C-alpha cells in the first residue's frame, strides 16, 4: 500500500490493495482506523471482484487509515502497511 491514498472530492475514487499472488487472490479484507471495515455502512461503496473498494462519491466519511489483508488458497502473508486516505 502507498503511505497516502489520494481520492478526488465529490466524484468516484478507488482504494486498491496492490498484491501479486500465485495462486491468485480470492478475498481481500479491509480495516479502517484499526477496525474491520463494514462497507455496507457506507452508501455508494462497493467491494469489487479484485478486492478494491469503489467509492461512488468521496466525502469526509472516507477519511481514515486503511489496511488490507489479501487471501488466496494458501492463506495470507498478513496485513498491508497502513495507508492514510486524503481527499483532494
Protein backbone atom coordinates (compact mmCIF):
# COMPACT_ATOMS: atom_id res chain seq x y z
CA UNK A 1 0.00 0.00 0.00
CA UNK A 2 1.21 3.51 -0.67
CA UNK A 3 1.51 5.60 2.52
CA UNK A 4 -1.11 8.06 1.22
CA UNK A 5 -4.14 7.36 -0.96
CA UNK A 6 -5.47 10.42 -2.80
CA UNK A 7 -9.16 10.36 -3.73
CA UNK A 8 -10.91 13.26 -5.52
CA UNK A 9 -13.63 15.05 -3.54
CA UNK A 10 -17.20 14.62 -4.76
CA UNK A 11 -16.54 12.09 -7.51
CA UNK A 12 -15.80 8.39 -7.55
CA UNK A 13 -12.50 7.00 -6.41
CA UNK A 14 -10.79 3.71 -5.59
CA UNK A 15 -8.87 2.21 -2.71
CA UNK A 16 -6.74 -0.61 -4.04
CA UNK A 17 -4.87 -3.42 -2.32
CA UNK A 18 -1.86 -3.91 -4.60
CA UNK A 19 -0.84 -7.56 -4.47
CA UNK A 20 0.86 -10.19 -6.58
CA UNK A 21 -0.03 -13.74 -5.63
CA UNK A 22 0.18 -17.24 -7.04
CA UNK A 23 -2.36 -18.78 -6.75
CA UNK A 24 -4.42 -15.61 -7.35
CA UNK A 25 -6.08 -13.62 -4.58
CA UNK A 26 -9.59 -14.83 -3.78
CA UNK A 27 -10.53 -12.48 -0.92
CA UNK A 28 -9.44 -9.11 0.46
CA UNK A 29 -10.44 -7.99 3.94
CA UNK A 30 -10.21 -4.30 4.80
CA UNK A 31 -9.66 -2.38 8.03
CA UNK A 32 -10.31 1.31 8.58
CA UNK A 33 -8.75 3.04 11.57
CA UNK A 34 -7.79 -0.32 13.07
CA UNK A 35 -11.26 -1.89 12.86
CA UNK A 36 -12.85 -4.18 10.28
CA UNK A 37 -14.39 -2.07 7.51
CA UNK A 38 -18.10 -2.67 7.07
CA UNK A 39 -18.60 -1.44 3.53
CA UNK A 40 -22.38 -1.84 3.75
CA UNK A 41 -22.45 1.06 6.25
CA UNK A 42 -21.24 3.47 3.54
CA UNK A 43 -23.73 4.43 0.84
CA UNK A 44 -22.22 4.10 -2.62
CA UNK A 45 -19.23 1.98 -1.54
CA UNK A 46 -18.67 -1.37 -3.26
CA UNK A 47 -16.12 -4.15 -2.91
CA UNK A 48 -15.01 -5.08 -6.42
CA UNK A 49 -14.06 -8.54 -7.63
CA UNK A 50 -10.33 -7.70 -7.49
CA UNK A 51 -10.67 -6.65 -3.82
CA UNK A 52 -10.59 -2.90 -4.49
CA UNK A 53 -13.09 -0.56 -2.90
CA UNK A 54 -15.02 1.76 -5.22
CA UNK A 55 -16.34 4.91 -3.60
CA UNK A 56 -19.16 6.46 -5.65
CA UNK A 57 -18.78 9.94 -4.17
CA UNK A 58 -15.83 10.66 -1.90
CA UNK A 59 -16.74 12.66 1.21
CA UNK A 60 -15.22 13.13 4.66
CA UNK A 61 -16.66 9.71 5.62
CA UNK A 62 -13.81 8.20 3.59
CA UNK A 63 -11.07 9.88 5.64
CA UNK A 64 -9.03 7.47 7.74
CA UNK A 65 -6.22 4.95 7.73
CA UNK A 66 -6.74 1.77 5.74
CA UNK A 67 -5.06 -1.61 5.68
CA UNK A 68 -5.87 -4.66 3.58
CA UNK A 69 -5.32 -8.37 4.12
CA UNK A 70 -5.31 -10.37 0.87
CA UNK A 71 -6.01 -14.12 0.91
CA UNK A 72 -5.56 -16.90 -1.63
CA UNK A 73 -5.93 -20.68 -1.49
CA UNK A 74 -2.74 -20.91 0.62
CA UNK A 75 -3.81 -18.30 3.19
CA UNK A 76 -2.33 -14.84 3.72
CA UNK A 77 1.06 -13.22 4.19
CA UNK A 78 -0.58 -10.73 6.56
CA UNK A 79 -1.74 -7.17 6.69
CA UNK A 80 -0.50 -4.38 4.43
CA UNK A 81 1.25 -1.31 5.78
CA UNK A 82 -1.23 1.43 6.76
CA UNK A 83 -2.30 3.97 4.14
CA UNK A 84 -3.93 7.30 5.01
CA UNK A 85 -6.75 8.42 2.71
CA UNK A 86 -6.67 12.10 1.78
CA UNK A 87 -9.31 13.98 -0.21
CA UNK A 88 -8.04 16.27 -2.92
